[in-house]
Amino acid sequence: MYLCSEGSLVIGNYFFSSEPLDVAVGSYRSMYDLFVSTYGAPFFDNTPWQIGGSIPDKRVVNPDPRKYMTMWKTAHLRTNMALSPSLPSEKAGWRVFIVVSENKD
């Protein structure tokens, strides 16, 4: 789903299908790698895969994958990614969700 104003993206989001946690973490990692190749090192990253340093900063690495969060900032966009539990009406699982919004900085 996305919202545009005068032909420009304001905000959009994408929710992956519900998956077991280990599969969702693999999907997260795949998207992480894709976004790193597109946007470069993240602005904020609490995953163990931190790009931009030889050793991840253990002070911000979250050992619980259910709490991973990564954000990229470009001149025009902010891209946020995290894991979210499935809705109560779905089978139990986790999904990657991505929110892309206009960067107004």
N, C-alpha and C. Protein backbone atom coordinates (compact mmCIF):
# COMPACT_ATOMS: atom_id res chain seq x y z
N MET A 1 0.84 -1.15 0.00
CA MET A 1 0.00 0.00 0.00
C MET A 1 0.91 1.24 0.00
N TYR A 2 0.49 2.28 -0.71
CA TYR A 2 1.30 3.49 -0.74
C TYR A 2 0.40 4.71 -0.93
N LEU A 3 0.95 5.87 -0.60
CA LEU A 3 0.24 7.14 -0.73
C LEU A 3 1.17 8.11 -1.45
N CYS A 4 0.67 8.70 -2.51
CA CYS A 4 1.43 9.69 -3.26
C CYS A 4 0.69 11.03 -3.21
N SER A 5 1.44 12.09 -3.30
CA SER A 5 0.88 13.43 -3.38
C SER A 5 1.58 14.17 -4.51
N GLU A 6 0.82 14.64 -5.48
CA GLU A 6 1.36 15.36 -6.62
C GLU A 6 2.48 14.58 -7.31
N GLY A 7 2.27 13.27 -7.45
CA GLY A 7 3.22 12.42 -8.16
C GLY A 7 4.44 12.00 -7.38
N SER A 8 4.52 12.33 -6.08
CA SER A 8 5.66 11.95 -5.26
C SER A 8 5.22 11.02 -4.13
N LEU A 9 6.04 10.01 -3.85
CA LEU A 9 5.75 9.09 -2.76
C LEU A 9 5.78 9.83 -1.43
N VAL A 10 4.74 9.66 -0.64
CA VAL A 10 4.70 10.19 0.71
C VAL A 10 5.04 9.07 1.69
N ILE A 11 4.36 7.93 1.55
CA ILE A 11 4.63 6.78 2.40
C ILE A 11 4.11 5.52 1.72
N GLY A 12 4.78 4.42 1.97
CA GLY A 12 4.34 3.13 1.45
C GLY A 12 4.79 2.04 2.40
N ASN A 13 4.08 0.92 2.40
CA ASN A 13 4.51 -0.19 3.24
C ASN A 13 4.28 -1.50 2.54
N TYR A 14 5.04 -2.48 2.96
CA TYR A 14 4.92 -3.82 2.41
C TYR A 14 5.06 -4.82 3.55
N PHE A 15 4.12 -5.74 3.65
CA PHE A 15 4.16 -6.78 4.66
C PHE A 15 4.38 -8.13 3.98
N PHE A 16 5.40 -8.85 4.39
CA PHE A 16 5.65 -10.19 3.88
C PHE A 16 4.59 -11.13 4.43
N SER A 17 4.48 -12.30 3.84
CA SER A 17 3.59 -13.34 4.37
C SER A 17 4.11 -13.80 5.72
N SER A 18 3.21 -14.31 6.55
CA SER A 18 3.57 -14.85 7.85
C SER A 18 4.44 -16.10 7.66
N GLU A 19 5.53 -16.19 8.45
CA GLU A 19 6.47 -17.29 8.34
C GLU A 19 6.92 -17.70 9.75
N PRO A 20 7.46 -18.91 9.92
CA PRO A 20 8.10 -19.23 11.19
C PRO A 20 9.25 -18.24 11.44
N LEU A 21 9.57 -18.01 12.68
CA LEU A 21 10.56 -16.98 13.02
C LEU A 21 11.88 -17.18 12.28
N ASP A 22 12.42 -18.39 12.22
CA ASP A 22 13.71 -18.59 11.56
C ASP A 22 13.64 -18.29 10.07
N VAL A 23 12.51 -18.58 9.43
CA VAL A 23 12.34 -18.26 8.01
C VAL A 23 12.19 -16.75 7.83
N ALA A 24 11.43 -16.10 8.72
CA ALA A 24 11.26 -14.65 8.66
C ALA A 24 12.60 -13.93 8.83
N VAL A 25 13.46 -14.45 9.72
CA VAL A 25 14.79 -13.86 9.90
C VAL A 25 15.59 -14.00 8.61
N GLY A 26 15.47 -15.13 7.92
CA GLY A 26 16.14 -15.31 6.62
C GLY A 26 15.63 -14.32 5.59
N SER A 27 14.31 -14.08 5.57
CA SER A 27 13.72 -13.10 4.65
C SER A 27 14.23 -11.70 5.00
N TYR A 28 14.31 -11.41 6.29
CA TYR A 28 14.83 -10.11 6.75
C TYR A 28 16.25 -9.93 6.24
N ARG A 29 17.06 -10.95 6.40
CA ARG A 29 18.47 -10.87 5.98
C ARG A 29 18.57 -10.65 4.47
N SER A 30 17.72 -11.32 3.71
CA SER A 30 17.74 -11.15 2.25
C SER A 30 17.41 -9.72 1.86
N MET A 31 16.38 -9.16 2.50
CA MET A 31 16.02 -7.77 2.20
C MET A 31 17.10 -6.81 2.71
N TYR A 32 17.68 -7.12 3.85
CA TYR A 32 18.78 -6.32 4.39
C TYR A 32 19.91 -6.23 3.36
N ASP A 33 20.30 -7.37 2.83
CA ASP A 33 21.38 -7.40 1.83
C ASP A 33 21.01 -6.60 0.58
N LEU A 34 19.75 -6.73 0.14
CA LEU A 34 19.29 -5.97 -1.03
C LEU A 34 19.33 -4.47 -0.75
N PHE A 35 18.85 -4.05 0.42
CA PHE A 35 18.85 -2.62 0.74
C PHE A 35 20.27 -2.08 0.92
N VAL A 36 21.17 -2.88 1.49
CA VAL A 36 22.57 -2.45 1.60
C VAL A 36 23.16 -2.24 0.21
N SER A 37 22.84 -3.13 -0.73
CA SER A 37 23.38 -2.96 -2.08
C SER A 37 22.75 -1.76 -2.79
N THR A 38 21.55 -1.38 -2.38
CA THR A 38 20.86 -0.24 -2.99
C THR A 38 21.19 1.08 -2.30
N TYR A 39 21.11 1.11 -0.97
CA TYR A 39 21.23 2.35 -0.20
C TYR A 39 22.55 2.51 0.54
N GLY A 40 23.34 1.44 0.64
CA GLY A 40 24.58 1.50 1.42
C GLY A 40 24.34 1.13 2.87
N ALA A 41 25.28 1.48 3.72
CA ALA A 41 25.20 1.14 5.14
C ALA A 41 23.97 1.79 5.77
N PRO A 42 23.28 1.07 6.67
CA PRO A 42 22.11 1.64 7.33
C PRO A 42 22.46 2.83 8.23
N PHE A 43 21.49 3.69 8.41
CA PHE A 43 21.60 4.81 9.35
C PHE A 43 21.51 4.28 10.79
N PHE A 44 20.59 3.34 11.01
CA PHE A 44 20.44 2.67 12.31
C PHE A 44 20.32 1.18 12.04
N ASP A 45 20.98 0.38 12.89
CA ASP A 45 20.98 -1.06 12.66
C ASP A 45 21.27 -1.78 13.97
N ASN A 46 20.31 -2.57 14.46
CA ASN A 46 20.58 -3.34 15.68
C ASN A 46 20.65 -4.84 15.40
N THR A 47 20.93 -5.20 14.13
CA THR A 47 21.08 -6.61 13.78
C THR A 47 22.54 -7.03 13.94
N PRO A 48 22.81 -8.33 13.97
CA PRO A 48 24.20 -8.79 14.08
C PRO A 48 24.98 -8.67 12.77
N TRP A 49 24.32 -8.22 11.69
CA TRP A 49 24.98 -8.15 10.38
C TRP A 49 25.51 -6.75 10.08
N GLN A 50 25.58 -5.89 11.06
CA GLN A 50 25.91 -4.49 10.84
C GLN A 50 26.98 -4.28 9.78
N ILE A 51 26.67 -3.40 8.85
CA ILE A 51 27.57 -3.04 7.76
C ILE A 51 28.23 -1.71 8.12
N GLY A 52 29.48 -1.54 7.77
CA GLY A 52 30.13 -0.27 8.00
C GLY A 52 31.21 -0.33 9.06
N GLY A 53 31.29 -1.41 9.78
CA GLY A 53 32.33 -1.59 10.78
C GLY A 53 32.86 -3.00 10.69
N SER A 54 34.09 -3.21 11.12
CA SER A 54 34.66 -4.55 11.02
C SER A 54 34.05 -5.48 12.07
N ILE A 55 33.63 -4.91 13.20
CA ILE A 55 33.00 -5.69 14.27
C ILE A 55 31.70 -5.00 14.65
N PRO A 56 30.57 -5.72 14.69
CA PRO A 56 29.32 -5.08 15.10
C PRO A 56 29.44 -4.46 16.49
N ASP A 57 28.80 -3.33 16.68
CA ASP A 57 28.79 -2.65 17.98
C ASP A 57 27.84 -3.43 18.89
N LYS A 58 28.40 -4.21 19.80
CA LYS A 58 27.60 -5.10 20.65
C LYS A 58 26.64 -4.33 21.56
N ARG A 59 26.87 -3.04 21.75
CA ARG A 59 25.97 -2.25 22.59
C ARG A 59 24.60 -2.07 21.95
N VAL A 60 24.52 -2.15 20.63
CA VAL A 60 23.23 -1.95 19.96
C VAL A 60 22.71 -3.20 19.27
N VAL A 61 23.49 -4.28 19.22
CA VAL A 61 22.99 -5.52 18.61
C VAL A 61 21.97 -6.14 19.55
N ASN A 62 20.78 -6.37 19.03
CA ASN A 62 19.75 -7.01 19.83
C ASN A 62 19.84 -8.52 19.61
N PRO A 63 20.03 -9.29 20.68
CA PRO A 63 20.16 -10.73 20.52
C PRO A 63 18.83 -11.42 20.15
N ASP A 64 17.72 -10.72 20.32
CA ASP A 64 16.40 -11.26 20.04
C ASP A 64 15.96 -10.83 18.64
N PRO A 65 15.92 -11.73 17.66
CA PRO A 65 15.56 -11.33 16.30
C PRO A 65 14.17 -10.70 16.19
N ARG A 66 13.31 -10.98 17.17
CA ARG A 66 11.97 -10.38 17.13
C ARG A 66 12.02 -8.87 17.35
N LYS A 67 13.18 -8.37 17.74
CA LYS A 67 13.34 -6.93 18.00
C LYS A 67 14.29 -6.26 17.03
N TYR A 68 14.67 -6.95 15.94
CA TYR A 68 15.53 -6.33 14.94
C TYR A 68 14.84 -5.11 14.33
N MET A 69 15.63 -4.08 14.07
CA MET A 69 15.14 -2.88 13.40
C MET A 69 16.30 -2.27 12.63
N THR A 70 16.02 -1.89 11.40
CA THR A 70 17.05 -1.28 10.57
C THR A 70 16.42 -0.11 9.81
N MET A 71 17.19 0.98 9.66
CA MET A 71 16.69 2.14 8.93
C MET A 71 17.80 2.68 8.02
N TRP A 72 17.40 2.97 6.79
CA TRP A 72 18.28 3.64 5.84
C TRP A 72 17.73 5.02 5.56
N LYS A 73 18.62 5.99 5.40
CA LYS A 73 18.21 7.35 5.03
C LYS A 73 18.97 7.75 3.77
N THR A 74 18.23 8.27 2.80
CA THR A 74 18.85 8.84 1.61
C THR A 74 18.39 10.30 1.54
N ALA A 75 18.81 10.99 0.54
CA ALA A 75 18.41 12.39 0.39
C ALA A 75 16.89 12.53 0.26
N HIS A 76 16.22 11.51 -0.26
CA HIS A 76 14.79 11.62 -0.52
C HIS A 76 13.91 10.64 0.24
N LEU A 77 14.48 9.52 0.73
CA LEU A 77 13.67 8.47 1.35
C LEU A 77 14.22 8.02 2.68
N ARG A 78 13.30 7.52 3.52
CA ARG A 78 13.65 6.76 4.72
C ARG A 78 13.04 5.39 4.53
N THR A 79 13.82 4.36 4.74
CA THR A 79 13.34 2.99 4.62
C THR A 79 13.57 2.29 5.96
N ASN A 80 12.49 1.84 6.57
CA ASN A 80 12.54 1.16 7.86
C ASN A 80 12.11 -0.28 7.68
N MET A 81 12.78 -1.17 8.39
CA MET A 81 12.44 -2.59 8.31
C MET A 81 12.50 -3.20 9.70
N ALA A 82 11.53 -4.08 9.99
CA ALA A 82 11.49 -4.77 11.28
C ALA A 82 10.69 -6.05 11.11
N LEU A 83 10.60 -6.82 12.19
CA LEU A 83 9.77 -8.02 12.23
C LEU A 83 8.55 -7.74 13.08
N SER A 84 7.44 -8.35 12.71
CA SER A 84 6.19 -8.16 13.43
C SER A 84 5.49 -9.50 13.58
N PRO A 85 4.84 -9.73 14.73
CA PRO A 85 4.09 -10.98 14.87
C PRO A 85 2.88 -10.99 13.94
N SER A 86 2.45 -12.18 13.57
CA SER A 86 1.25 -12.32 12.73
C SER A 86 0.03 -11.76 13.46
N LEU A 87 -0.98 -11.45 12.69
CA LEU A 87 -2.24 -11.00 13.27
C LEU A 87 -2.91 -12.15 14.01
N PRO A 88 -3.73 -11.86 15.03
CA PRO A 88 -4.40 -12.93 15.77
C PRO A 88 -5.26 -13.84 14.89
N SER A 89 -5.76 -13.33 13.79
CA SER A 89 -6.62 -14.11 12.91
C SER A 89 -5.83 -15.05 11.98
N GLU A 90 -4.49 -14.95 12.00
CA GLU A 90 -3.64 -15.78 11.14
C GLU A 90 -2.98 -16.88 11.96
N LYS A 91 -2.39 -17.84 11.25
CA LYS A 91 -1.61 -18.84 11.98
C LYS A 91 -0.41 -18.14 12.62
N ALA A 92 0.05 -18.68 13.72
CA ALA A 92 1.16 -18.06 14.45
C ALA A 92 2.39 -17.97 13.58
N GLY A 93 3.09 -16.86 13.65
CA GLY A 93 4.30 -16.67 12.87
C GLY A 93 4.77 -15.23 12.95
N TRP A 94 5.72 -14.90 12.10
CA TRP A 94 6.32 -13.57 12.05
C TRP A 94 6.39 -13.11 10.61
N ARG A 95 6.43 -11.82 10.41
CA ARG A 95 6.54 -11.28 9.06
C ARG A 95 7.50 -10.09 9.06
N VAL A 96 8.19 -9.94 7.96
CA VAL A 96 9.01 -8.76 7.73
C VAL A 96 8.05 -7.65 7.29
N PHE A 97 8.23 -6.45 7.84
CA PHE A 97 7.48 -5.33 7.29
C PHE A 97 8.43 -4.19 6.99
N ILE A 98 8.13 -3.50 5.91
CA ILE A 98 8.97 -2.43 5.41
C ILE A 98 8.10 -1.19 5.22
N VAL A 99 8.59 -0.06 5.70
CA VAL A 99 7.91 1.22 5.50
C VAL A 99 8.89 2.16 4.82
N VAL A 100 8.47 2.71 3.70
CA VAL A 100 9.28 3.69 2.96
C VAL A 100 8.53 5.00 3.01
N SER A 101 9.21 6.05 3.42
CA SER A 101 8.56 7.37 3.49
C SER A 101 9.50 8.45 2.96
N GLU A 102 8.89 9.55 2.67
CA GLU A 102 9.62 10.72 2.20
C GLU A 102 10.55 11.20 3.30
N ASN A 103 11.78 11.55 2.97
CA ASN A 103 12.72 12.11 3.94
C ASN A 103 12.61 13.62 3.88
N LYS A 104 12.14 14.22 4.95
CA LYS A 104 11.94 15.67 4.97
C LYS A 104 13.10 16.41 5.65
N ASP A 105 14.18 15.69 5.96
CA ASP A 105 15.34 16.35 6.60
C ASP A 105 15.99 17.33 5.64
